[in-house]
């Protein structure tokens, strides 16, 4: 699944403030890049939250998704 949205980690400058990610597209996901990039542009320029973009929630980059899975 792609990673899209604000980089988690806090709200201070040293904790990823104003950093966004748009990554992890491969195969059939390549067709989604244009609309996903438009959504990220709205987050960057208009201050939209991820939930306001209309993108699938499973794409949102969260701290939980970034943690390594221990099995």
N, C-alpha and C. Protein backbone atom coordinates (compact mmCIF):
# COMPACT_ATOMS: atom_id res chain seq x y z
N UNK A 1 0.83 -1.18 0.00
CA UNK A 1 0.00 0.00 0.00
C UNK A 1 0.88 1.24 0.00
N UNK A 2 0.47 2.25 -0.73
CA UNK A 2 1.23 3.50 -0.74
C UNK A 2 1.20 4.19 0.62
N UNK A 3 2.19 5.03 0.85
CA UNK A 3 2.23 5.91 2.01
C UNK A 3 1.97 7.32 1.51
N UNK A 4 0.95 7.97 2.07
CA UNK A 4 0.54 9.28 1.61
C UNK A 4 0.21 10.17 2.80
N UNK A 5 0.64 11.42 2.75
CA UNK A 5 0.23 12.40 3.75
C UNK A 5 1.37 12.97 4.55
N UNK A 6 1.01 13.61 5.66
CA UNK A 6 1.99 14.24 6.54
C UNK A 6 2.83 13.16 7.20
N UNK A 7 4.13 13.41 7.30
CA UNK A 7 5.02 12.48 7.98
C UNK A 7 4.74 12.56 9.47
N UNK A 8 4.40 11.43 10.10
CA UNK A 8 4.09 11.46 11.54
C UNK A 8 5.34 11.77 12.36
N UNK A 9 5.12 12.28 13.54
CA UNK A 9 6.26 12.50 14.43
C UNK A 9 6.16 13.75 15.25
N UNK A 10 5.09 14.49 15.17
CA UNK A 10 4.96 15.66 16.01
C UNK A 10 4.70 16.92 15.21
N UNK A 11 4.73 18.02 15.90
CA UNK A 11 4.39 19.28 15.26
C UNK A 11 5.48 20.33 15.37
N UNK A 12 6.63 20.00 15.97
CA UNK A 12 7.69 20.98 16.04
C UNK A 12 8.61 20.82 14.84
N UNK A 13 9.37 21.84 14.57
CA UNK A 13 10.23 21.83 13.38
C UNK A 13 11.16 20.62 13.38
N UNK A 14 11.65 20.22 14.53
CA UNK A 14 12.56 19.09 14.59
C UNK A 14 11.83 17.75 14.47
N UNK A 15 10.51 17.77 14.52
CA UNK A 15 9.75 16.54 14.46
C UNK A 15 8.91 16.45 13.19
N UNK A 16 9.47 16.75 12.07
CA UNK A 16 8.85 16.53 10.76
C UNK A 16 7.75 17.51 10.39
N UNK A 17 7.74 18.68 10.98
CA UNK A 17 6.73 19.66 10.60
C UNK A 17 6.87 20.00 9.13
N UNK A 18 5.75 20.06 8.44
CA UNK A 18 5.71 20.42 7.02
C UNK A 18 6.45 19.45 6.11
N UNK A 19 6.53 18.19 6.50
CA UNK A 19 7.09 17.17 5.62
C UNK A 19 5.97 16.21 5.25
N UNK A 20 5.89 15.91 3.97
CA UNK A 20 4.83 15.05 3.45
C UNK A 20 5.46 13.92 2.65
N UNK A 21 4.73 12.82 2.53
CA UNK A 21 5.22 11.67 1.79
C UNK A 21 4.18 11.27 0.75
N UNK A 22 4.69 10.83 -0.38
CA UNK A 22 3.87 10.30 -1.47
C UNK A 22 4.73 9.21 -2.10
N UNK A 23 4.62 7.99 -1.58
CA UNK A 23 5.57 6.94 -1.96
C UNK A 23 4.92 5.57 -1.94
N UNK A 24 5.61 4.61 -2.54
CA UNK A 24 5.20 3.22 -2.46
C UNK A 24 4.22 2.77 -3.53
N UNK A 25 4.18 3.46 -4.64
CA UNK A 25 3.30 3.06 -5.74
C UNK A 25 4.07 2.11 -6.65
N UNK A 26 3.44 1.00 -6.99
CA UNK A 26 4.05 0.09 -7.95
C UNK A 26 2.95 -0.68 -8.66
N UNK A 27 3.27 -1.23 -9.78
CA UNK A 27 2.28 -2.01 -10.53
C UNK A 27 1.05 -1.20 -10.86
N UNK A 28 -0.13 -1.74 -10.54
CA UNK A 28 -1.40 -1.09 -10.84
C UNK A 28 -1.61 0.21 -10.08
N UNK A 29 -0.88 0.41 -9.01
CA UNK A 29 -1.01 1.63 -8.22
C UNK A 29 -0.53 2.87 -8.95
N UNK A 30 0.25 2.68 -10.00
CA UNK A 30 0.77 3.82 -10.75
C UNK A 30 -0.36 4.67 -11.32
N UNK A 31 -1.50 4.08 -11.58
CA UNK A 31 -2.63 4.83 -12.14
C UNK A 31 -3.23 5.80 -11.13
N UNK A 32 -2.94 5.61 -9.85
CA UNK A 32 -3.50 6.46 -8.80
C UNK A 32 -2.63 7.66 -8.46
N UNK A 33 -1.42 7.71 -8.99
CA UNK A 33 -0.48 8.75 -8.58
C UNK A 33 -0.99 10.15 -8.84
N UNK A 34 -1.60 10.40 -9.98
CA UNK A 34 -2.00 11.76 -10.33
C UNK A 34 -3.02 12.33 -9.35
N UNK A 35 -4.06 11.58 -9.03
CA UNK A 35 -5.06 12.08 -8.08
C UNK A 35 -4.52 12.13 -6.66
N UNK A 36 -3.64 11.21 -6.33
CA UNK A 36 -3.04 11.21 -5.01
C UNK A 36 -2.12 12.42 -4.85
N UNK A 37 -1.34 12.72 -5.88
CA UNK A 37 -0.47 13.90 -5.84
C UNK A 37 -1.29 15.18 -5.72
N UNK A 38 -2.43 15.23 -6.38
CA UNK A 38 -3.31 16.39 -6.28
C UNK A 38 -3.80 16.55 -4.84
N UNK A 39 -4.13 15.44 -4.20
CA UNK A 39 -4.58 15.48 -2.80
C UNK A 39 -3.47 15.97 -1.88
N UNK A 40 -2.24 15.49 -2.09
CA UNK A 40 -1.12 15.94 -1.26
C UNK A 40 -0.86 17.43 -1.50
N UNK A 41 -1.01 17.89 -2.73
CA UNK A 41 -0.85 19.32 -3.01
C UNK A 41 -1.86 20.13 -2.22
N UNK A 42 -3.08 19.62 -2.07
CA UNK A 42 -4.09 20.29 -1.26
C UNK A 42 -3.71 20.32 0.21
N UNK A 43 -3.07 19.25 0.69
CA UNK A 43 -2.60 19.23 2.08
C UNK A 43 -1.51 20.27 2.29
N UNK A 44 -0.62 20.37 1.32
CA UNK A 44 0.52 21.28 1.45
C UNK A 44 0.09 22.74 1.29
N UNK A 45 -0.68 23.04 0.26
CA UNK A 45 -0.98 24.44 -0.05
C UNK A 45 -2.22 24.99 0.66
N UNK A 46 -3.21 24.13 0.90
CA UNK A 46 -4.47 24.61 1.49
C UNK A 46 -4.67 24.13 2.92
N UNK A 47 -3.73 23.35 3.44
CA UNK A 47 -3.84 22.88 4.82
C UNK A 47 -4.90 21.82 5.03
N UNK A 48 -5.31 21.12 3.97
CA UNK A 48 -6.31 20.06 4.12
C UNK A 48 -5.75 18.94 5.01
N UNK A 49 -6.64 18.31 5.73
CA UNK A 49 -6.27 17.10 6.48
C UNK A 49 -6.47 15.90 5.56
N UNK A 50 -5.83 14.79 5.88
CA UNK A 50 -5.93 13.61 5.03
C UNK A 50 -7.39 13.21 4.79
N UNK A 51 -8.20 13.23 5.83
CA UNK A 51 -9.60 12.82 5.72
C UNK A 51 -10.43 13.69 4.79
N UNK A 52 -9.97 14.88 4.48
CA UNK A 52 -10.69 15.79 3.59
C UNK A 52 -10.34 15.58 2.12
N UNK A 53 -9.40 14.71 1.84
CA UNK A 53 -8.91 14.55 0.47
C UNK A 53 -9.73 13.57 -0.36
N UNK A 54 -10.45 12.68 0.29
CA UNK A 54 -11.19 11.66 -0.44
C UNK A 54 -10.37 10.43 -0.77
N UNK A 55 -9.12 10.40 -0.31
CA UNK A 55 -8.27 9.23 -0.55
C UNK A 55 -8.65 8.11 0.41
N UNK A 56 -8.41 6.86 0.02
CA UNK A 56 -8.69 5.74 0.93
C UNK A 56 -7.86 5.85 2.20
N UNK A 57 -8.47 5.64 3.33
CA UNK A 57 -7.80 5.76 4.62
C UNK A 57 -6.60 4.84 4.77
N UNK A 58 -6.62 3.72 4.06
CA UNK A 58 -5.52 2.76 4.17
C UNK A 58 -4.21 3.32 3.60
N UNK A 59 -4.28 4.38 2.80
CA UNK A 59 -3.09 5.00 2.23
C UNK A 59 -2.38 5.91 3.24
N UNK A 60 -3.09 6.37 4.26
CA UNK A 60 -2.53 7.38 5.17
C UNK A 60 -1.31 6.84 5.91
N UNK A 61 -0.26 7.64 5.91
CA UNK A 61 0.94 7.29 6.65
C UNK A 61 0.72 7.62 8.11
N UNK A 62 0.84 6.62 8.95
CA UNK A 62 0.67 6.79 10.39
C UNK A 62 1.87 6.19 11.11
N UNK A 63 2.05 6.56 12.37
CA UNK A 63 3.15 5.97 13.14
C UNK A 63 3.01 4.45 13.21
N UNK A 64 1.77 3.98 13.34
CA UNK A 64 1.54 2.54 13.40
C UNK A 64 2.00 1.84 12.12
N UNK A 65 1.71 2.43 10.98
CA UNK A 65 2.14 1.82 9.71
C UNK A 65 3.65 1.84 9.53
N UNK A 66 4.32 2.80 10.16
CA UNK A 66 5.77 2.91 10.02
C UNK A 66 6.54 2.01 10.99
N UNK A 67 5.86 1.53 12.04
CA UNK A 67 6.53 0.64 13.00
C UNK A 67 6.81 -0.71 12.36
N UNK A 68 7.99 -1.27 12.65
CA UNK A 68 8.28 -2.61 12.14
C UNK A 68 7.34 -3.64 12.76
N UNK A 69 6.92 -4.59 11.97
CA UNK A 69 6.05 -5.66 12.49
C UNK A 69 6.93 -6.73 13.11
N UNK A 70 6.57 -7.10 14.32
CA UNK A 70 7.30 -8.16 15.01
C UNK A 70 6.43 -9.40 15.00
N UNK A 71 6.95 -10.44 14.42
CA UNK A 71 6.17 -11.69 14.33
C UNK A 71 6.86 -12.81 15.03
